Amino acid sequence: TGVENPSSALGCYAMTPSDYDVLNAFFDPVIRDYHGAAADAVHVTDWDASDVGENGVLDMSTLGLDELSMRVRVGRNLTSFNLPGAMNQAERIEFEKTMLAAFDKLISMEEYGGQVYSLTPDFGNGEENPNKISEEKYQELVDAHIMFKNMDD
């Protein structure tokens, strides 16, 4: 994508999870350079959020901030799907439909709520996408720096 989108900071993708192992000599230096990590650095994931806010709950209003937005992109995958670079349109649609169940659970929770705004025009075979974003809403979110703007512009 670096050739097609020169403003992109990085232009290489793994197509399968094993690519990170098989092509490690290529990906490791690229990833370390992008993240500014030393060659001997080891990433440790710590999911313990108990030190965040009060008992793991960060109330942004205590920092003087309004509600926040969250965007989810297909940057990683579920194991039953290819990595995004190897997905075709039908698989991307099936991925989105699979994720809608998780989003519905979050939306139904009072502490999260929200709305799904999809860029997928339709689900194929005459099936409408009930979450397709309107042009007006899309522009509103771009103007608010919440939505990525069209890379073709």
Protein backbone atom coordinates (compact mmCIF):
# COMPACT_ATOMS: atom_id res chain seq x y z
CA THR A 1 0.00 0.00 0.00
CA GLY A 2 2.96 2.31 0.34
CA VAL A 3 3.14 2.58 -3.45
CA GLU A 4 -0.60 3.19 -3.87
CA ASN A 5 -0.81 5.46 -0.79
CA PRO A 6 2.46 7.39 -0.49
CA SER A 7 1.25 9.11 2.69
CA SER A 8 0.99 5.73 4.41
CA ALA A 9 3.69 5.23 7.03
CA LEU A 10 4.16 1.58 6.14
CA GLY A 11 3.42 -0.46 3.05
CA CYS A 12 3.83 -4.16 3.77
CA TYR A 13 1.44 -6.74 5.13
CA ALA A 14 1.59 -10.34 6.25
CA MET A 15 -0.99 -12.42 4.43
CA THR A 16 -1.01 -15.35 6.86
CA PRO A 17 -0.06 -15.55 10.54
CA SER A 18 2.88 -17.81 9.67
CA ASP A 19 4.35 -15.02 7.50
CA TYR A 20 5.62 -13.36 10.66
CA ASP A 21 7.73 -16.48 11.35
CA VAL A 22 8.65 -17.48 7.80
CA LEU A 23 9.52 -13.91 6.79
CA ASN A 24 10.86 -12.86 10.21
CA ALA A 25 14.13 -11.58 8.76
CA PHE A 26 12.05 -9.03 6.82
CA PHE A 27 9.17 -8.25 9.21
CA ASP A 28 11.12 -8.00 12.48
CA PRO A 29 13.31 -5.04 11.46
CA VAL A 30 10.39 -3.29 9.73
CA ILE A 31 8.14 -3.62 12.79
CA ARG A 32 10.93 -2.60 15.19
CA ASP A 33 11.76 0.46 13.09
CA TYR A 34 8.11 1.49 12.84
CA HIS A 35 7.60 1.21 16.60
CA GLY A 36 11.07 2.43 17.58
CA ALA A 37 11.86 -0.80 19.42
CA ALA A 38 15.42 -1.94 20.14
CA ALA A 39 16.56 -5.25 18.65
CA ASP A 40 16.56 -6.87 22.09
CA ALA A 41 13.19 -5.42 23.20
CA VAL A 42 10.50 -7.90 24.18
CA HIS A 43 6.83 -6.89 24.11
CA VAL A 44 4.86 -7.95 27.16
CA THR A 45 1.08 -7.66 27.02
CA ASP A 46 -0.46 -6.73 30.36
CA TRP A 47 -4.26 -6.93 30.35
CA ASP A 48 -4.53 -5.96 34.02
CA ALA A 49 -6.38 -2.63 33.99
CA SER A 50 -6.78 -2.40 37.76
CA ASP A 51 -4.26 0.47 37.95
CA VAL A 52 -6.25 2.52 35.41
CA GLY A 53 -8.63 5.08 36.86
CA GLU A 54 -10.58 3.76 39.84
CA ASN A 55 -10.52 -0.05 40.04
CA GLY A 56 -9.92 -0.41 36.32
CA VAL A 57 -12.54 2.14 35.24
CA LEU A 58 -11.33 5.36 33.67
CA ASP A 59 -13.98 8.06 33.75
CA MET A 60 -12.87 10.51 31.08
CA SER A 61 -15.14 13.24 32.49
CA THR A 62 -12.84 13.44 35.55
CA LEU A 63 -10.16 14.58 33.11
CA GLY A 64 -12.45 17.23 31.67
CA LEU A 65 -13.01 15.26 28.47
CA ASP A 66 -16.28 14.56 26.71
CA GLU A 67 -17.31 11.11 25.59
CA LEU A 68 -14.90 9.39 23.25
CA SER A 69 -15.39 7.48 20.04
CA MET A 70 -13.84 4.19 19.10
CA ARG A 71 -13.25 2.88 15.64
CA VAL A 72 -12.61 -0.72 14.83
CA ARG A 73 -10.77 -1.65 11.69
CA VAL A 74 -9.78 -4.96 10.24
CA GLY A 75 -6.19 -4.70 11.38
CA ARG A 76 -5.98 -8.15 12.88
CA ASN A 77 -8.17 -11.15 12.43
CA LEU A 78 -10.19 -13.91 13.97
CA THR A 79 -8.48 -17.26 13.47
CA SER A 80 -11.27 -18.49 11.20
CA PHE A 81 -10.51 -15.72 8.69
CA ASN A 82 -7.50 -14.84 6.56
CA LEU A 83 -5.45 -11.80 7.50
CA PRO A 84 -6.93 -8.68 5.84
CA GLY A 85 -4.47 -8.55 2.93
CA ALA A 86 -5.57 -12.00 1.80
CA MET A 87 -9.32 -11.44 2.29
CA ASN A 88 -11.59 -11.13 -0.69
CA GLN A 89 -14.76 -9.03 -0.61
CA ALA A 90 -17.00 -11.93 0.42
CA GLU A 91 -14.71 -12.81 3.33
CA ARG A 92 -14.54 -9.17 4.49
CA ILE A 93 -18.34 -9.05 4.50
CA GLU A 94 -18.54 -12.31 6.47
CA PHE A 95 -15.95 -10.95 8.92
CA GLU A 96 -18.02 -7.79 9.43
CA LYS A 97 -21.21 -9.78 9.92
CA THR A 98 -19.42 -11.98 12.48
CA MET A 99 -18.20 -8.94 14.42
CA LEU A 100 -21.68 -7.39 14.51
CA ALA A 101 -22.71 -9.85 17.23
CA ALA A 102 -19.85 -8.60 19.44
CA PHE A 103 -20.68 -4.98 18.65
CA ASP A 104 -24.37 -5.60 19.50
CA LYS A 105 -23.30 -6.84 22.93
CA LEU A 106 -21.21 -3.72 23.54
CA ILE A 107 -23.95 -1.41 22.28
CA SER A 108 -26.47 -3.03 24.63
CA MET A 109 -24.25 -2.31 27.64
CA GLU A 110 -25.07 1.01 29.30
CA GLU A 111 -21.41 1.83 29.93
CA TYR A 112 -20.58 1.51 26.21
CA GLY A 113 -23.59 2.02 23.96
CA GLY A 114 -22.79 3.51 20.61
CA GLN A 115 -23.54 2.89 16.97
CA VAL A 116 -21.97 0.88 14.16
CA TYR A 117 -21.14 2.89 11.04
CA SER A 118 -20.14 0.59 8.22
CA LEU A 119 -18.41 1.54 4.98
CA THR A 120 -19.50 -1.71 3.33
CA PRO A 121 -22.06 -0.75 0.64
CA ASP A 122 -24.09 -3.97 0.93
CA PHE A 123 -23.69 -7.58 2.00
CA GLY A 124 -24.10 -8.96 -1.54
CA ASN A 125 -26.86 -11.02 -3.13
CA GLY A 126 -29.36 -8.22 -2.57
CA GLU A 127 -28.76 -8.14 1.21
CA GLU A 128 -28.71 -4.56 2.45
CA ASN A 129 -26.19 -3.46 5.08
CA PRO A 130 -28.32 -2.09 7.93
CA ASN A 131 -25.30 -0.18 9.32
CA LYS A 132 -24.15 1.52 6.10
CA ILE A 133 -23.11 5.05 6.93
CA SER A 134 -24.85 7.91 5.13
CA GLU A 135 -22.75 10.41 3.16
CA GLU A 136 -23.79 13.14 5.60
CA LYS A 137 -22.76 11.17 8.68
CA TYR A 138 -19.51 10.10 7.01
CA GLN A 139 -18.56 13.71 6.31
CA GLU A 140 -19.56 14.76 9.85
CA LEU A 141 -17.23 12.12 11.32
CA VAL A 142 -14.39 13.02 8.92
CA ASP A 143 -14.74 16.67 9.87
CA ALA A 144 -14.60 15.69 13.55
CA HIS A 145 -11.42 13.63 12.87
CA ILE A 146 -13.17 10.45 13.99
CA MET A 147 -13.48 8.78 10.58
CA PHE A 148 -10.62 8.25 8.15
CA LYS A 149 -11.09 10.27 5.04
CA ASN A 150 -11.19 8.59 1.65
CA MET A 151 -7.64 7.66 0.60
CA ASP A 152 -8.58 8.41 -3.04
CA ASP A 153 -9.00 12.13 -2.29
